[in-house]
Amino acid sequence: MPSRTALVRRPGPRLAEGLVTHLARTPVDPALALRQWHDYTAALRDHGWRTVEVPPADDCPDAVFVEDAMVVFRNVAVMARSGAPSRRAETAAAERAAAELGLSLNRIREPGTLDGGDVLKAGDTVYVGRGGRTNAEGVRQLRAVLEPLGARVVPVPVGKVLHLKSAVTALPDGTVIGYEPLVDTRSLFPRFLPVPEEPGAHVVLLGDDRLLLSAGAPRTADLLADLGYTPVPVDIGEFEKLEGCVTCLSVRLRGIPLRGV
């Protein structure tokens, strides 16, 4: 079986102070969020993933959304530079964790900004959301790193949600799925499948046609099951209050030779 490792980061005590941009703020229960995080990481391990914890960043309320800290393509980790200045302190420990795994490192540098949640990989195509957290210079720098590695970088306008992957993710066959009212330009995706619920727009590919998704998307789970996939629902309701989803709670490393694996 190809190696499967997920970088994760447990929620800190200031989680309820996390940034909210497109949702009305509602109270977050940090104790419940921690239980949901444990269930999420257990679901990864139950399906053959090794989880590696990035050291906590207790002064950074959004640090649990570790996917925003980097973009990994092949064996290269491009460390992000968030468009939200308050989140930039999250990156240092994530960079050390990537280095300890033996990934080659690169960085988005000023004046570029980029959040990992704006980057969707579908095979060798890398869609990059151009919106509130990722600017044109960030897209240019990411393209300069990834295209020599064989990637095709496609910018995608994002205006209705926080990140590109707040609106769309991809199935194992490369079909992009999304909640259509939140997708700015569906014509950029050669194959697009609308899903009936906003939380259903986000899936994590676990392997063997198993898809991790929010328990808040039962109709999407039924749709995916009808297509031959095995949905694996997990409750992440406290993180959804902060515009989080199943993808942003981990950085998935598939089939990459890693140190210590």
Protein backbone atom coordinates (compact mmCIF):
# COMPACT_ATOMS: atom_id res chain seq x y z
CA MET A 1 0.00 0.00 0.00
CA PRO A 2 1.37 3.48 -0.83
CA SER A 3 2.41 5.41 2.26
CA ARG A 4 -0.24 7.71 3.67
CA THR A 5 0.69 10.34 6.22
CA ALA A 6 -1.42 13.24 7.46
CA LEU A 7 -0.06 16.28 9.25
CA VAL A 8 -2.57 17.46 11.86
CA ARG A 9 -2.61 20.06 14.62
CA ARG A 10 -4.83 19.95 17.66
CA PRO A 11 -7.07 22.95 18.39
CA GLY A 12 -5.78 25.44 20.91
CA PRO A 13 -7.49 27.20 23.83
CA ARG A 14 -8.28 30.30 21.76
CA LEU A 15 -10.10 28.42 18.99
CA ALA A 16 -13.35 30.33 19.57
CA GLU A 17 -11.52 33.55 18.59
CA GLY A 18 -10.82 32.22 15.09
CA LEU A 19 -11.39 34.46 12.09
CA VAL A 20 -14.80 34.52 10.41
CA THR A 21 -15.29 36.29 7.08
CA HIS A 22 -18.38 34.95 5.28
CA LEU A 23 -20.42 33.61 8.22
CA ALA A 24 -22.08 35.25 11.19
CA ARG A 25 -20.10 34.43 14.32
CA THR A 26 -21.70 31.79 16.55
CA PRO A 27 -20.34 30.42 19.85
CA VAL A 28 -17.74 27.65 19.57
CA ASP A 29 -17.36 25.00 22.28
CA PRO A 30 -13.59 24.31 22.55
CA ALA A 31 -14.08 21.08 24.53
CA LEU A 32 -16.49 19.69 21.93
CA ALA A 33 -14.16 20.83 19.16
CA LEU A 34 -11.29 18.87 20.73
CA ARG A 35 -13.46 15.73 20.88
CA GLN A 36 -14.43 16.22 17.23
CA TRP A 37 -10.76 16.67 16.31
CA HIS A 38 -9.89 13.40 18.04
CA ASP A 39 -12.69 11.66 16.12
CA TYR A 40 -11.43 13.18 12.86
CA THR A 41 -7.85 12.02 13.41
CA ALA A 42 -9.10 8.60 14.52
CA ALA A 43 -11.04 8.30 11.25
CA LEU A 44 -7.84 8.93 9.31
CA ARG A 45 -5.95 6.29 11.29
CA ASP A 46 -8.81 3.80 10.99
CA HIS A 47 -8.44 4.03 7.21
CA GLY A 48 -4.71 3.46 7.02
CA TRP A 49 -3.26 6.91 7.61
CA ARG A 50 -0.40 7.70 9.94
CA THR A 51 -1.03 11.01 11.70
CA VAL A 52 1.84 13.31 12.63
CA GLU A 53 1.08 16.21 14.96
CA VAL A 54 2.49 19.63 14.21
CA PRO A 55 3.33 21.27 17.57
CA PRO A 56 0.47 23.38 18.91
CA ALA A 57 0.37 27.13 18.38
CA ASP A 58 -1.83 28.10 21.30
CA ASP A 59 -1.59 31.83 20.57
CA CYS A 60 -2.98 31.30 17.05
CA PRO A 61 -6.73 30.60 17.17
CA ASP A 62 -6.89 29.23 13.60
CA ALA A 63 -3.79 27.01 13.78
CA VAL A 64 -5.89 23.81 13.79
CA PHE A 65 -6.58 24.50 10.11
CA VAL A 66 -3.11 23.24 9.30
CA GLU A 67 -3.73 22.79 5.57
CA ASP A 68 -3.51 26.56 5.16
CA ALA A 69 0.14 26.53 6.21
CA MET A 70 1.52 24.73 3.14
CA VAL A 71 0.95 23.24 -0.29
CA VAL A 72 2.59 19.87 -1.01
CA PHE A 73 3.17 18.66 -4.57
CA ARG A 74 5.27 15.54 -5.11
CA ASN A 75 8.02 15.89 -2.48
CA VAL A 76 8.00 19.70 -2.30
CA ALA A 77 6.29 21.67 0.46
CA VAL A 78 5.59 25.29 -0.43
CA MET A 79 5.13 27.17 2.82
CA ALA A 80 2.25 29.60 2.62
CA ARG A 81 2.09 33.26 3.52
CA SER A 82 -1.48 33.94 4.57
CA GLY A 83 -3.43 36.92 3.36
CA ALA A 84 -4.54 37.22 7.00
CA PRO A 85 -1.47 38.65 8.78
CA SER A 86 -2.61 37.25 12.14
CA ARG A 87 -2.19 33.71 10.77
CA ARG A 88 1.41 34.00 9.58
CA ALA A 89 2.86 32.88 12.92
CA GLU A 90 1.29 29.44 12.33
CA THR A 91 3.77 28.57 9.59
CA ALA A 92 7.09 28.19 11.44
CA ALA A 93 6.28 24.98 13.32
CA ALA A 94 4.53 23.53 10.27
CA GLU A 95 7.67 24.19 8.23
CA ARG A 96 9.79 22.38 10.82
CA ALA A 97 7.42 19.41 10.70
CA ALA A 98 7.66 19.27 6.91
CA ALA A 99 11.45 19.44 7.09
CA GLU A 100 11.57 16.63 9.66
CA LEU A 101 9.63 14.43 7.24
CA GLY A 102 12.27 15.10 4.58
CA LEU A 103 10.18 17.26 2.26
CA SER A 104 11.98 19.82 0.12
CA LEU A 105 10.99 23.33 1.17
CA ASN A 106 10.06 26.45 -0.71
CA ARG A 107 8.18 29.55 0.41
CA ILE A 108 5.73 32.16 -0.75
CA ARG A 109 7.48 35.48 -0.17
CA GLU A 110 6.32 39.06 0.26
CA PRO A 111 4.35 40.60 -1.46
CA GLY A 112 2.80 37.26 -2.35
CA THR A 113 0.03 35.82 -0.20
CA LEU A 114 -1.41 32.32 -0.35
CA ASP A 115 -3.42 30.01 1.91
CA GLY A 116 -3.20 26.26 1.37
CA GLY A 117 -7.00 26.06 1.48
CA ASP A 118 -7.03 27.91 -1.84
CA VAL A 119 -5.18 25.07 -3.60
CA LEU A 120 -7.00 22.05 -5.06
CA LYS A 121 -4.98 19.29 -6.72
CA ALA A 122 -6.66 17.04 -9.27
CA GLY A 123 -3.96 14.83 -10.75
CA ASP A 124 -1.31 17.15 -12.16
CA THR A 125 -3.74 20.07 -12.40
CA VAL A 126 -3.45 22.53 -9.52
CA TYR A 127 -6.37 24.93 -9.18
CA VAL A 128 -5.54 28.03 -7.14
CA GLY A 129 -8.24 30.26 -5.74
CA ARG A 130 -7.59 33.93 -6.31
CA GLY A 131 -9.54 35.74 -3.61
CA GLY A 132 -9.34 37.27 -0.17
CA ARG A 133 -6.39 35.23 1.18
CA THR A 134 -4.41 34.51 -2.02
CA ASN A 135 -3.25 37.25 -4.37
CA ALA A 136 -1.96 37.23 -7.94
CA GLU A 137 1.68 37.32 -6.81
CA GLY A 138 1.09 34.28 -4.61
CA VAL A 139 -0.34 32.42 -7.61
CA ARG A 140 2.65 33.47 -9.73
CA GLN A 141 5.16 32.25 -7.14
CA LEU A 142 3.35 28.94 -6.70
CA ARG A 143 3.31 28.43 -10.47
CA ALA A 144 7.05 29.13 -10.65
CA VAL A 145 7.70 26.35 -8.12
CA LEU A 146 5.19 23.74 -9.28
CA GLU A 147 5.20 23.93 -13.07
CA PRO A 148 8.83 22.68 -13.36
CA LEU A 149 7.63 19.66 -11.33
CA GLY A 150 4.98 18.86 -13.95
CA ALA A 151 1.97 20.71 -12.56
CA ARG A 152 -0.48 22.79 -14.58
CA VAL A 153 -1.54 25.75 -12.44
CA VAL A 154 -5.01 27.17 -13.11
CA PRO A 155 -6.14 30.34 -11.27
CA VAL A 156 -9.80 30.32 -10.18
CA PRO A 157 -11.73 33.42 -9.02
CA VAL A 158 -13.05 33.09 -5.46
CA GLY A 159 -15.46 35.67 -4.12
CA LYS A 160 -18.32 33.89 -2.35
CA VAL A 161 -16.38 31.82 0.18
CA LEU A 162 -13.20 32.01 2.26
CA HIS A 163 -11.11 29.58 0.19
CA LEU A 164 -11.41 27.71 -3.09
CA LYS A 165 -11.76 24.45 -1.16
CA SER A 166 -14.63 25.98 0.81
CA ALA A 167 -16.57 25.62 -2.46
CA VAL A 168 -15.05 22.66 -4.34
CA THR A 169 -12.94 19.53 -3.94
CA ALA A 170 -12.25 16.61 -6.27
CA LEU A 171 -13.21 12.94 -6.45
CA PRO A 172 -10.62 10.22 -7.14
CA ASP A 173 -11.37 10.30 -10.89
CA GLY A 174 -10.68 14.05 -11.05
CA THR A 175 -14.32 15.15 -11.14
CA VAL A 176 -14.66 18.41 -9.22
CA ILE A 177 -17.61 18.52 -6.84
CA GLY A 178 -19.05 21.66 -5.33
CA TYR A 179 -22.03 23.46 -3.90
CA GLU A 180 -23.03 25.40 -6.98
CA PRO A 181 -24.31 28.63 -5.35
CA LEU A 182 -20.79 29.19 -3.97
CA VAL A 183 -18.83 28.39 -7.15
CA ASP A 184 -17.82 31.47 -9.12
CA THR A 185 -16.74 29.88 -12.41
CA ARG A 186 -17.67 26.22 -12.81
CA SER A 187 -16.67 26.34 -16.51
CA LEU A 188 -13.01 26.20 -15.43
CA PHE A 189 -13.51 22.59 -14.32
CA PRO A 190 -13.74 20.08 -17.23
CA ARG A 191 -15.97 17.79 -15.14
CA PHE A 192 -18.15 19.29 -12.44
CA LEU A 193 -20.72 17.57 -10.23
CA PRO A 194 -22.99 19.75 -8.08
CA VAL A 195 -23.81 18.46 -4.60
CA PRO A 196 -26.98 19.24 -2.66
CA GLU A 197 -25.43 20.65 0.55
CA GLU A 198 -22.69 23.14 1.27
CA PRO A 199 -20.77 20.81 3.67
CA GLY A 200 -20.88 18.14 0.96
CA ALA A 201 -18.54 20.17 -1.24
CA HIS A 202 -15.59 18.97 0.83
CA VAL A 203 -14.20 15.44 0.71
CA VAL A 204 -10.90 13.89 1.75
CA LEU A 205 -9.76 10.97 -0.39
CA LEU A 206 -8.97 8.18 2.07
CA GLY A 207 -8.13 5.57 -0.57
CA ASP A 208 -10.01 2.58 -2.00
CA ASP A 209 -12.92 4.85 -3.04
CA ARG A 210 -13.54 5.88 0.58
CA LEU A 211 -14.37 9.53 1.09
CA LEU A 212 -14.23 11.40 4.40
CA LEU A 213 -16.90 14.09 4.58
CA SER A 214 -18.90 16.11 7.04
CA ALA A 215 -21.72 14.41 8.92
CA GLY A 216 -23.67 17.56 8.04
CA ALA A 217 -24.05 16.40 4.42
CA PRO A 218 -26.21 13.24 4.49
CA ARG A 219 -27.75 13.83 1.06
CA THR A 220 -24.31 14.26 -0.47
CA ALA A 221 -23.21 11.04 1.24
CA ASP A 222 -26.16 9.26 -0.42
CA LEU A 223 -25.23 10.75 -3.80
CA LEU A 224 -21.63 9.62 -3.48
CA ALA A 225 -22.71 6.15 -2.36
CA ASP A 226 -24.91 5.90 -5.47
CA LEU A 227 -21.80 6.65 -7.52
CA GLY A 228 -19.98 3.71 -5.96
CA TYR A 229 -18.00 5.49 -3.25
CA THR A 230 -17.99 4.66 0.44
CA PRO A 231 -18.75 7.79 2.49
CA VAL A 232 -17.07 8.09 5.89
CA PRO A 233 -18.97 10.82 7.79
CA VAL A 234 -17.36 12.68 10.68
CA ASP A 235 -18.87 15.43 12.83
CA ILE A 236 -16.83 18.65 12.58
CA GLY A 237 -19.64 21.05 13.42
CA GLU A 238 -17.59 23.26 15.74
CA PHE A 239 -14.99 23.84 13.04
CA GLU A 240 -17.65 24.56 10.44
CA LYS A 241 -18.71 27.53 12.59
CA LEU A 242 -15.26 28.97 11.76
CA GLU A 243 -15.52 28.21 8.01
CA GLY A 244 -13.50 25.04 8.45
CA CYS A 245 -14.07 21.74 6.66
CA VAL A 246 -12.65 18.21 6.51
CA THR A 247 -9.85 19.16 4.12
CA CYS A 248 -8.38 22.03 6.11
CA LEU A 249 -7.84 19.97 9.29
CA SER A 250 -4.94 18.00 7.76
CA VAL A 251 -2.23 17.99 5.11
CA ARG A 252 -2.38 14.66 3.30
CA LEU A 253 0.85 13.16 1.93
CA ARG A 254 0.24 10.21 -0.39
CA GLY A 255 2.90 7.99 -1.86
CA ILE A 256 5.74 10.39 -1.02
CA PRO A 257 8.97 8.90 0.37
CA LEU A 258 9.17 10.39 3.86
CA ARG A 259 11.79 10.26 6.56
CA GLY A 260 10.82 7.80 9.27
CA VAL A 261 8.19 5.98 7.18
